Structure formats: structure tokens, C-alpha cells
Amino acid sequence: MKKQSARCPSDFSGAALPIFNKDYWRRFMRIKAGFFPSGPAVLLLAVEALSWSNESAAAEGYRLRQAALPVLGGEMAADLEQIGFFGTVAVGYLDSYKVVDDQGHHISVPGQSIALPTGAATGGAIPDGTYNVDVGPAAIDYRQLSQQYRFIIGYLFDTGVEGNRLGVSLSRAYQRMDREVSISQQTVQLRPQPAPSLPPPLQAALNTSLNRVATQVAATQQTELDAQNREVGGLSDSVFAFFFTRTSADRRFRYGIDLAVAIPDGEYRSDRAPNPSLNYYTSRLETAMVYSFGPQSYDSFSGITIGNRTGYGWNTINKDTEIRTGQFFNTEFAIEKVIGRFAFGLNAVALIQTTDDSGSGAPERSFRLRTYSGGPFAAIRLTERAGINISYADTFYARNAQVSRGVALRLIRSW
């Protein structure tokens, strides 16, 4: 895709003219790379900050910090709960191939009417606002490819009570993003049409004013496109998590709770749209539970396992954009079949923004993000202390959000 430049009209007939809409660009400029969860893929429940993306209206940038793609199934198969240190190395690839509005359609630059400043150019013969430039909407073509390399370290404590565990973890990632955004050319019409009897000097002055507006609008929009079309890389925000899990005596039922906080200490620059950091704090409380219908042990396990993870998150204000992204709710479901050391199944997630964006930089119109996505996963237990899983997911419903598909490979190890 190539960035679209403007053509300035030279007469009153139709021509292509991009339009700059302040409220629209205030939302679109901050689209950031969504990604797979950033927390540790450890324990059957995997409730420790596991489902966080570290990149967002709807929410600012048409996405939330919470990952919009599911990963619960792969962690259900991990089942690593030895006391001591644990770690995860994850590699992910994400393709965000469009952004949709509240009707599920591709977002577009809205049209508008611009009052043509003609007073100075015509010596007052044609007062400002006598003519308007009506500009039609423009389609937006959006694509972003992302690669993420995430490292997680944590420690699991023995509480002294059988089946109970406490843990802490720290997650950090390096991410590369390559974004391309283009905008189709827009129709433009002068209203009302100038009278045929308009003297040639005034007609020339009118043309000059029209071209000046077109040039200014095109330059402003091109500046915004230049900020969007970037290839960047850097460290993401850190995520600290504190969690508790409990396993029943027969090891069939497990549940847990975690509190996680994302710290905006990653790379962030205000002069570009894609950034590894979100530039605001997020806190999230989450619960999870898993039930196995068949026998299961460290050496050999089989049967069906189902799981759910549900959470709620709060965001602080982005000091750069003056936008506070709304609160969000997420719930994830997974089912897997276990055969020996192998497991496979399906997982799905719903991510819903529950409150409007706020702050002086927020759009005037209310937008709330909503996405549903799902896909298959497979896992293998390498040893009692190590496992690997791979997952694929795609978005099948979205409103005011990025639409993405991706694959992630994670190696989990405890010591």
C-alpha cells in the first residue's frame, strides 16, 4: 500500500481532496499494536497477568491493553506448579488487517463542509463563507504486521496448605511493528456554483482560495499519515502480577485469582502512532477456574478439560493524548482433549469496553470496543517442568476495534 497524496483542484469541477477531521484523527492516530497476552503461561489456571497485551474510540487506538485473542487453552495444558522460579519465552506474530466502526464496517474519514475564505483574496467583494467546499468521505486501508518476543520471570511460593499456591511475576516484551495506512481520494464540490457572470478576476481569486484550502488540508492529512506509516521497535510496558491458586485434592478442579498492574515504562514517542508502550497505567482483577472430567497426572493424563477466565480492568489517563480509555470486561473459555503428553482443543474470548472514553482529548461521540475471537491450540508436555504450546486465533466479530489474526508459540519452564 502507498500513502495517498492530495490533488489540488484547479477549477470548480470535481477533484480529489483529502479532508482533515480533528475529532476523527484524534482517535485514529493512536492505534497501537494488539498482541497476545503478556503474563506468565504457568500453572493450569494461568491467571497471573497471562491475558494481557502490552501495546489499545472505542478505546484509544481502537483497542484495549487486554489481548483480544484467546490463549487460555494452551496454558491449561501446561500444568506446571512446582515451587520455585518459573519462566516463559514467547514468540508471536499478529496481522491486524482492518479497523471497523460501530457498524462493523471499515472506518473512513468522514466528509465535511469547509467555509471558503474569500474575503481577503477578493478585496471583500466575496465575503468569507459565501462559498463552501463540500468534501465526501474517504475509505481507509489499514494493515499492521507485528512480531513480539516476550520474556516472563516469576516465583511460586508454598503457602503451607496443601494445594494452595501464591506467586509473583514480571513480564516484558520486545516488539516490532510495521504499519501501512492509506486513504482514498475524496470528491469535492463547490457550493453554490459560481454564477457564469462572475468577473474573471473574482473567478481567479475564488480558484486561488479553493486551491489554498485544498493544499492546507492535504498537508495536514499527509502529516497525520506520516505519523501512522512507521516501522518501529522497542520494549513494551512492564506487567507485575500477584496471584493465588488452589487445586482440589483429586486435582480435577482448580481456581485462582490475580491482581496485575501494567506500568507505562516502555518506549513511547508522541510524534508517531505505533508505539510499544501505551503510556498509561492499567490495573486488572481476574479469576479463573478449570475442571477436568478424566484422570490426570504428571506422567500421563487424558480426558476432557474445560476452563474459564474472567476479568475487569481500569485505565489511567494518557498524559500525552489526554484520553482515559474506558474500563473493560473480558471472559475466555477453552475446552481441550488430553492424550498422554499431548493436548489440543479450542478457545474463545470476548472483550468488551464497559464505559466511555473520557478526558479532554476523548472524542465527542461515544465509542465502545467489542470483539469476539477464537481458534485452535495444541500443546505438548516435554518434562515435568517444561511444556510448549502453539495457538492460532482470528477475530470473528468486532465493533470499534482492530480486526486481527495471529499465532503464538510459548515455551514454559519451571526450576
Protein backbone atom coordinates (compact mmCIF):
# COMPACT_ATOMS: atom_id res chain seq x y z
CA MET A 1 0.00 0.00 0.00
CA LYS A 2 1.14 3.53 -0.71
CA LYS A 3 0.34 6.66 1.18
CA GLN A 4 -2.18 8.76 -0.72
CA SER A 5 -1.27 12.31 -1.57
CA ALA A 6 -3.78 15.01 -2.40
CA ARG A 7 -4.55 16.52 -5.75
CA CYS A 8 -5.45 20.18 -5.52
CA PRO A 9 -8.40 21.24 -7.67
CA SER A 10 -7.69 23.82 -10.30
CA ASP A 11 -11.28 24.71 -11.16
CA PHE A 12 -14.83 24.36 -9.83
CA SER A 13 -15.47 20.91 -11.27
CA GLY A 14 -14.95 17.76 -9.18
CA ALA A 15 -11.43 16.94 -7.97
CA ALA A 16 -9.79 14.83 -5.31
CA LEU A 17 -9.29 16.49 -1.97
CA PRO A 18 -8.44 14.81 1.37
CA ILE A 19 -10.12 16.19 4.44
CA PHE A 20 -8.71 16.69 7.92
CA ASN A 21 -11.20 15.93 10.68
CA LYS A 22 -9.76 16.76 14.10
CA ASP A 23 -12.07 14.55 16.15
CA TYR A 24 -11.61 11.60 13.82
CA TRP A 25 -7.82 11.75 13.73
CA ARG A 26 -7.68 12.19 17.49
CA ARG A 27 -8.94 8.59 17.72
CA PHE A 28 -7.26 7.07 14.72
CA MET A 29 -3.76 8.44 15.34
CA ARG A 30 -3.34 6.32 18.46
CA ILE A 31 -3.99 2.86 17.03
CA LYS A 32 -1.43 0.60 18.68
CA ALA A 33 -0.39 -2.95 18.09
CA GLY A 34 -2.53 -5.52 19.78
CA PHE A 35 -0.88 -8.74 20.81
CA PHE A 36 -1.09 -11.97 22.65
CA PRO A 37 -1.08 -11.98 26.47
CA SER A 38 1.93 -10.79 28.31
CA GLY A 39 1.72 -12.71 31.56
CA PRO A 40 3.36 -15.98 32.58
CA ALA A 41 1.96 -19.11 30.98
CA VAL A 42 2.43 -21.12 34.13
CA LEU A 43 0.00 -23.22 36.18
CA LEU A 44 -3.10 -24.87 34.84
CA LEU A 45 -5.15 -21.77 35.59
CA ALA A 46 -2.74 -19.32 34.03
CA VAL A 47 -4.36 -16.43 35.85
CA GLU A 48 -1.19 -14.46 36.56
CA ALA A 49 -1.37 -11.49 34.16
CA LEU A 50 -1.43 -14.06 31.42
CA SER A 51 -4.03 -12.49 29.20
CA TRP A 52 -2.54 -9.04 28.85
CA SER A 53 -1.44 -7.42 25.67
CA ASN A 54 1.22 -4.79 26.07
CA GLU A 55 0.52 -2.38 23.38
CA SER A 56 -5.26 -0.12 22.80
CA ALA A 57 -12.55 5.04 20.15
CA ALA A 58 -13.79 2.73 21.15
CA ALA A 59 -10.81 2.68 23.34
CA GLU A 60 -7.90 4.91 22.43
CA GLY A 61 -6.39 3.40 19.30
CA TYR A 62 -9.37 1.08 18.72
CA ARG A 63 -8.05 -1.45 21.22
CA LEU A 64 -7.51 -2.21 24.89
CA ARG A 65 -4.47 -3.39 26.78
CA GLN A 66 -6.20 -6.73 27.29
CA ALA A 67 -5.46 -9.15 24.46
CA ALA A 68 -8.33 -9.60 22.03
CA LEU A 69 -7.18 -13.10 21.01
CA PRO A 70 -7.56 -16.16 23.30
CA VAL A 71 -4.75 -18.22 24.83
CA LEU A 72 -6.32 -20.00 27.81
CA GLY A 73 -6.26 -23.44 26.19
CA GLY A 74 -2.51 -23.61 25.83
CA GLU A 75 -1.94 -22.68 29.46
CA MET A 76 -4.50 -25.24 30.67
CA ALA A 77 -2.28 -27.93 29.17
CA ALA A 78 0.89 -26.58 30.81
CA ASP A 79 0.04 -27.62 34.38
CA LEU A 80 3.36 -26.52 35.88
CA GLU A 81 3.08 -25.75 39.59
CA GLN A 82 6.40 -26.70 41.18
CA ILE A 83 7.57 -24.41 43.96
CA GLY A 84 10.32 -22.02 42.89
CA PHE A 85 11.20 -19.93 39.88
CA PHE A 86 9.42 -20.22 36.55
CA GLY A 87 9.81 -18.53 33.21
CA THR A 88 8.27 -18.22 29.78
CA VAL A 89 9.68 -17.32 26.39
CA ALA A 90 7.01 -16.49 23.82
CA VAL A 91 7.19 -15.57 20.16
CA GLY A 92 4.12 -14.17 18.45
CA TYR A 93 3.05 -12.87 15.06
CA LEU A 94 -0.01 -10.68 14.61
CA ASP A 95 -1.72 -9.42 11.46
CA SER A 96 -4.14 -6.55 12.08
CA TYR A 97 -5.77 -6.22 8.70
CA LYS A 98 -8.54 -3.68 9.21
CA VAL A 99 -10.23 -1.36 11.69
CA VAL A 100 -14.03 -1.32 11.94
CA ASP A 101 -16.59 1.16 13.24
CA ASP A 102 -19.68 0.65 15.41
CA GLN A 103 -21.48 -0.99 12.48
CA GLY A 104 -18.68 -3.41 11.70
CA HIS A 105 -17.68 -1.55 8.52
CA HIS A 106 -14.22 -0.29 7.61
CA ILE A 107 -13.57 3.03 9.28
CA SER A 108 -13.47 6.01 6.96
CA VAL A 109 -12.55 9.66 7.06
CA PRO A 110 -15.88 11.49 7.39
CA GLY A 111 -16.77 14.19 4.92
CA GLN A 112 -17.43 17.76 5.95
CA SER A 113 -18.11 21.22 4.63
CA ILE A 114 -15.42 23.90 4.78
CA ALA A 115 -16.30 27.59 4.57
CA LEU A 116 -14.13 29.07 1.84
CA PRO A 117 -12.14 32.15 2.98
CA THR A 118 -12.59 34.51 0.04
CA GLY A 119 -12.75 37.94 1.66
CA ALA A 120 -9.04 38.78 1.58
CA ALA A 121 -8.44 37.24 -1.86
CA THR A 122 -11.27 39.24 -3.45
CA GLY A 123 -10.77 42.50 -1.59
CA GLY A 124 -14.06 41.97 0.22
CA ALA A 125 -16.07 41.53 -2.97
CA ILE A 126 -16.91 37.95 -1.94
CA PRO A 127 -17.24 37.74 1.86
CA ASP A 128 -15.84 34.75 3.74
CA GLY A 129 -18.34 31.89 3.89
CA THR A 130 -20.21 32.82 0.73
CA TYR A 131 -19.00 29.55 -0.77
CA ASN A 132 -18.38 26.19 0.89
CA VAL A 133 -16.19 23.28 -0.15
CA ASP A 134 -18.14 20.03 0.37
CA VAL A 135 -15.78 17.07 0.68
CA GLY A 136 -17.02 13.49 0.60
CA PRO A 137 -15.85 10.67 2.91
CA ALA A 138 -12.73 8.61 2.16
CA ALA A 139 -12.07 4.92 2.71
CA ILE A 140 -9.13 3.90 4.91
CA ASP A 141 -6.91 0.93 4.12
CA TYR A 142 -5.13 -0.23 7.29
CA ARG A 143 -2.60 -3.01 7.81
CA GLN A 144 -0.13 -3.67 10.60
CA LEU A 145 2.20 -6.63 10.98
CA SER A 146 3.70 -7.20 14.42
CA GLN A 147 6.24 -9.53 15.95
CA GLN A 148 6.63 -9.90 19.68
CA TYR A 149 9.32 -11.58 21.77
CA ARG A 150 8.19 -11.84 25.37
CA PHE A 151 10.07 -12.89 28.48
CA ILE A 152 8.42 -13.66 31.81
CA ILE A 153 10.00 -14.49 35.14
CA GLY A 154 8.22 -15.33 38.37
CA TYR A 155 8.31 -17.23 41.62
CA LEU A 156 5.79 -19.67 43.07
CA PHE A 157 5.51 -19.92 46.86
CA ASP A 158 4.27 -22.77 49.02
CA THR A 159 1.64 -21.50 51.46
CA GLY A 160 1.89 -24.49 53.77
CA VAL A 161 -1.66 -25.52 52.86
CA GLU A 162 -1.99 -28.48 50.51
CA GLY A 163 -2.98 -27.37 47.02
CA ASN A 164 -2.58 -23.64 47.70
CA ARG A 165 -0.01 -21.52 45.87
CA LEU A 166 0.99 -17.84 45.90
CA GLY A 167 3.05 -16.27 43.17
CA VAL A 168 4.50 -13.11 41.67
CA SER A 169 5.66 -12.42 38.14
CA LEU A 170 7.17 -9.78 35.88
CA SER A 171 6.56 -9.66 32.14
CA ARG A 172 8.36 -7.61 29.48
CA ALA A 173 8.50 -7.83 25.70
CA TYR A 174 10.35 -6.51 22.69
CA GLN A 175 8.03 -5.71 19.83
CA ARG A 176 8.38 -4.69 16.20
CA MET A 177 5.51 -3.11 14.27
CA ASP A 178 5.23 -2.28 10.59
CA ARG A 179 2.14 -0.20 9.78
CA GLU A 180 0.75 0.98 6.46
CA VAL A 181 -2.25 3.28 6.19
CA SER A 182 -3.65 4.81 3.02
CA ILE A 183 -6.69 6.95 2.32
CA SER A 184 -8.68 7.02 -0.90
CA GLN A 185 -9.11 10.28 -2.76
CA GLN A 186 -12.21 12.28 -1.96
CA THR A 187 -14.71 14.10 -4.11
CA VAL A 188 -15.01 17.84 -3.70
CA GLN A 189 -17.71 20.23 -4.81
CA LEU A 190 -18.01 23.98 -4.52
CA ARG A 191 -21.38 25.11 -3.22
CA PRO A 192 -23.15 27.09 -4.53
CA GLN A 193 -21.84 27.04 -8.07
CA PRO A 194 -20.43 30.45 -9.10
CA ALA A 195 -22.61 32.45 -11.44
CA PRO A 196 -21.44 32.50 -15.10
CA SER A 197 -21.45 36.28 -14.88
CA LEU A 198 -18.77 36.30 -12.15
CA PRO A 199 -15.96 38.60 -13.37
CA PRO A 200 -12.76 36.73 -14.37
CA PRO A 201 -10.61 38.41 -11.65
CA LEU A 202 -13.05 37.24 -8.95
CA GLN A 203 -13.24 33.79 -10.51
CA ALA A 204 -9.43 33.58 -10.41
CA ALA A 205 -9.39 34.73 -6.78
CA LEU A 206 -12.02 32.12 -5.96
CA ASN A 207 -9.87 29.45 -7.58
CA THR A 208 -6.88 30.64 -5.56
CA SER A 209 -8.82 30.39 -2.29
CA LEU A 210 -10.08 26.94 -3.21
CA ASN A 211 -6.59 25.70 -4.03
CA ARG A 212 -5.20 27.19 -0.82
CA VAL A 213 -7.75 25.29 1.29
CA ALA A 214 -7.04 22.10 -0.62
CA THR A 215 -3.29 22.48 -0.09
CA GLN A 216 -3.66 23.13 3.65
CA VAL A 217 -5.99 20.19 4.16
CA ALA A 218 -3.77 17.87 2.12
CA ALA A 219 -0.64 18.91 4.03
CA THR A 220 -2.31 18.38 7.41
CA GLN A 221 -3.62 14.97 6.46
CA GLN A 222 -0.28 13.91 5.00
CA THR A 223 1.38 14.83 8.30
CA GLU A 224 -1.03 12.51 10.08
CA LEU A 225 -0.37 9.73 7.57
CA ASP A 226 3.37 10.15 8.02
CA ALA A 227 2.91 9.57 11.75
CA GLN A 228 0.90 6.41 11.02
CA ASN A 229 3.12 4.83 8.39
CA ARG A 230 6.05 3.76 10.53
CA GLU A 231 8.17 0.72 11.26
CA VAL A 232 9.15 0.82 14.93
CA GLY A 233 10.59 -1.45 17.59
CA GLY A 234 11.23 -1.28 21.31
CA LEU A 235 10.40 -2.55 24.77
CA SER A 236 6.79 -2.75 25.87
CA ASP A 237 5.34 -1.81 29.26
CA SER A 238 6.14 -3.96 32.29
CA VAL A 239 3.38 -6.04 33.87
CA PHE A 240 3.59 -7.03 37.54
CA ALA A 241 1.20 -9.71 38.80
CA PHE A 242 0.33 -11.20 42.18
CA PHE A 243 -1.76 -14.36 42.21
CA PHE A 244 -3.23 -17.18 44.28
CA THR A 245 -4.35 -20.61 43.06
CA ARG A 246 -5.89 -23.63 44.71
CA THR A 247 -6.10 -27.23 43.47
CA SER A 248 -8.62 -29.74 44.84
CA ALA A 249 -7.39 -32.96 46.46
CA ASP A 250 -8.38 -35.06 43.43
CA ARG A 251 -6.71 -32.49 41.12
CA ARG A 252 -9.80 -32.17 38.95
CA PHE A 253 -10.82 -28.66 39.96
CA ARG A 254 -8.65 -25.57 40.18
CA TYR A 255 -9.41 -21.92 40.69
CA GLY A 256 -7.45 -18.77 41.22
CA ILE A 257 -7.40 -15.00 41.41
CA ASP A 258 -4.81 -12.44 40.36
CA LEU A 259 -4.18 -8.72 40.55
CA ALA A 260 -1.97 -7.26 37.83
CA VAL A 261 -0.66 -3.77 37.16
CA ALA A 262 0.85 -2.53 33.89
CA ILE A 263 3.48 0.20 34.26
CA PRO A 264 3.99 2.59 31.30
CA ASP A 265 7.79 2.27 31.23
CA GLY A 266 8.13 1.10 27.61
CA GLU A 267 9.22 3.06 24.57
CA TYR A 268 6.79 5.81 23.66
CA ARG A 269 7.03 8.82 21.36
CA SER A 270 4.23 11.32 20.94
CA ASP A 271 5.11 12.13 17.31
CA ARG A 272 4.12 8.70 15.99
CA ALA A 273 1.06 6.48 16.18
CA PRO A 274 2.55 2.97 16.62
CA ASN A 275 4.33 2.65 19.98
CA PRO A 276 5.39 -0.38 22.05
CA SER A 277 4.13 1.44 25.17
CA LEU A 278 0.53 2.50 25.84
CA ASN A 279 1.67 5.44 28.02
CA TYR A 280 -0.85 4.85 30.81
CA TYR A 281 -1.31 2.56 33.82
CA THR A 282 -3.76 -0.33 33.81
CA SER A 283 -4.87 -2.46 36.75
CA ARG A 284 -6.87 -5.65 36.39
CA LEU A 285 -8.54 -8.14 38.72
CA GLU A 286 -9.13 -11.59 37.28
CA THR A 287 -10.44 -15.00 38.32
CA ALA A 288 -10.11 -18.37 36.60
CA MET A 289 -11.29 -21.93 37.07
CA VAL A 290 -10.64 -25.25 35.36
CA TYR A 291 -12.37 -28.61 35.66
CA SER A 292 -11.12 -31.97 34.34
CA PHE A 293 -13.60 -34.75 33.64
CA GLY A 294 -10.99 -37.51 33.36
CA PRO A 295 -7.98 -38.74 35.33
CA GLN A 296 -4.89 -36.61 35.16
CA SER A 297 -1.33 -36.88 36.47
CA TYR A 298 2.11 -35.55 35.68
CA ASP A 299 3.15 -38.71 33.82
CA SER A 300 0.03 -39.46 31.82
CA PHE A 301 -3.26 -37.60 31.55
CA SER A 302 -6.30 -37.92 29.36
CA GLY A 303 -9.90 -36.82 29.12
CA ILE A 304 -11.70 -33.54 28.64
CA THR A 305 -10.87 -30.31 30.47
CA ILE A 306 -12.86 -27.07 30.39
CA GLY A 307 -11.83 -23.67 31.68
CA ASN A 308 -12.93 -20.07 32.08
CA ARG A 309 -11.09 -16.87 32.88
CA THR A 310 -12.92 -13.60 33.61
CA GLY A 311 -11.53 -10.21 34.48
CA TYR A 312 -12.17 -6.48 34.75
CA GLY A 313 -9.70 -3.68 34.11
CA TRP A 314 -9.25 0.03 34.82
CA ASN A 315 -7.06 2.54 32.98
CA THR A 316 -5.49 5.84 33.97
CA ILE A 317 -5.27 8.82 31.63
CA ASN A 318 -2.72 9.04 28.84
CA LYS A 319 -0.86 12.25 29.73
CA ASP A 320 0.13 12.83 26.12
CA THR A 321 -3.28 12.49 24.45
CA GLU A 322 -5.41 13.43 27.49
CA ILE A 323 -7.58 10.36 26.86
CA ARG A 324 -8.66 7.92 29.55
CA THR A 325 -9.62 4.68 27.84
CA GLY A 326 -12.82 3.18 29.25
CA GLN A 327 -12.97 0.25 31.64
CA PHE A 328 -13.19 -3.23 30.15
CA PHE A 329 -14.54 -6.72 30.81
CA ASN A 330 -13.08 -9.92 29.38
CA THR A 331 -14.12 -13.55 29.57
CA GLU A 332 -12.38 -16.51 27.96
CA PHE A 333 -13.46 -20.13 27.51
CA ALA A 334 -11.47 -23.20 26.49
CA ILE A 335 -12.01 -26.91 26.03
CA GLU A 336 -9.27 -29.44 25.44
CA LYS A 337 -8.74 -33.14 24.87
CA VAL A 338 -5.68 -34.63 26.53
CA ILE A 339 -3.91 -37.71 25.19
CA GLY A 340 -0.77 -38.67 27.05
CA ARG A 341 1.60 -35.71 26.94
CA PHE A 342 -0.32 -34.04 24.12
CA ALA A 343 -3.34 -31.76 24.29
CA PHE A 344 -5.43 -29.98 21.69
CA GLY A 345 -8.65 -28.02 21.66
CA LEU A 346 -10.41 -24.73 21.05
CA ASN A 347 -10.58 -21.45 22.93
CA ALA A 348 -12.53 -18.21 22.51
CA VAL A 349 -12.60 -14.81 24.18
CA ALA A 350 -14.97 -11.85 24.46
CA LEU A 351 -13.53 -8.39 25.16
CA ILE A 352 -16.00 -5.60 25.93
CA GLN A 353 -15.44 -1.96 26.84
CA THR A 354 -17.97 -1.08 29.54
CA THR A 355 -17.51 2.69 29.97
CA ASP A 356 -16.90 5.55 27.55
CA ASP A 357 -13.52 7.11 26.98
CA SER A 358 -13.08 10.34 28.92
CA GLY A 359 -10.66 13.23 29.27
CA SER A 360 -10.16 16.42 27.29
CA GLY A 361 -8.69 14.52 24.34
CA ALA A 362 -11.51 11.98 24.03
CA PRO A 363 -13.83 12.13 21.00
CA GLU A 364 -17.13 13.93 21.45
CA ARG A 365 -19.08 10.92 20.27
CA SER A 366 -19.13 7.82 22.48
CA PHE A 367 -17.43 4.72 21.09
CA ARG A 368 -17.04 1.38 22.87
CA LEU A 369 -14.91 -1.52 21.76
CA ARG A 370 -16.29 -5.06 21.47
CA THR A 371 -14.57 -8.09 19.95
CA TYR A 372 -15.09 -11.85 19.86
CA SER A 373 -12.37 -14.18 18.62
CA GLY A 374 -11.36 -17.81 18.77
CA GLY A 375 -9.21 -20.56 17.36
CA PRO A 376 -7.43 -23.88 17.93
CA PHE A 377 -4.40 -24.70 20.05
CA ALA A 378 -2.07 -27.62 20.67
CA ALA A 379 0.38 -28.36 23.46
CA ILE A 380 2.97 -30.92 24.47
CA ARG A 381 4.42 -31.58 27.90
CA LEU A 382 8.17 -32.01 27.40
CA THR A 383 9.06 -32.86 31.02
CA GLU A 384 7.50 -32.43 34.43
CA ARG A 385 8.92 -28.92 34.46
CA ALA A 386 8.63 -27.85 30.84
CA GLY A 387 5.99 -27.56 28.17
CA ILE A 388 5.40 -25.91 24.83
CA ASN A 389 2.18 -24.77 23.17
CA ILE A 390 1.11 -23.11 19.95
CA SER A 391 -2.15 -21.28 19.29
CA TYR A 392 -3.89 -19.58 16.38
CA ALA A 393 -6.81 -17.17 16.62
CA ASP A 394 -8.87 -14.90 14.41
CA THR A 395 -11.46 -12.22 15.13
CA PHE A 396 -14.97 -13.18 14.02
CA TYR A 397 -16.91 -10.19 15.41
CA ALA A 398 -15.71 -6.66 16.08
CA ARG A 399 -17.12 -3.21 16.71
CA ASN A 400 -14.95 -0.09 17.08
CA ALA A 401 -11.86 -2.28 17.08
CA GLN A 402 -8.94 -3.65 15.17
CA VAL A 403 -9.63 -6.95 13.41
CA SER A 404 -6.67 -9.28 13.83
CA ARG A 405 -5.42 -12.81 13.42
CA GLY A 406 -2.28 -14.25 14.91
CA VAL A 407 -0.20 -17.19 16.00
CA ALA A 408 1.91 -17.57 19.15
CA LEU A 409 4.46 -20.15 20.30
CA ARG A 410 5.33 -20.36 24.01
CA LEU A 411 7.93 -22.35 25.92
CA ILE A 412 7.21 -22.71 29.65
CA ARG A 413 9.78 -23.81 32.20
CA SER A 414 9.99 -24.03 35.99
CA TRP A 415 13.03 -24.68 38.16
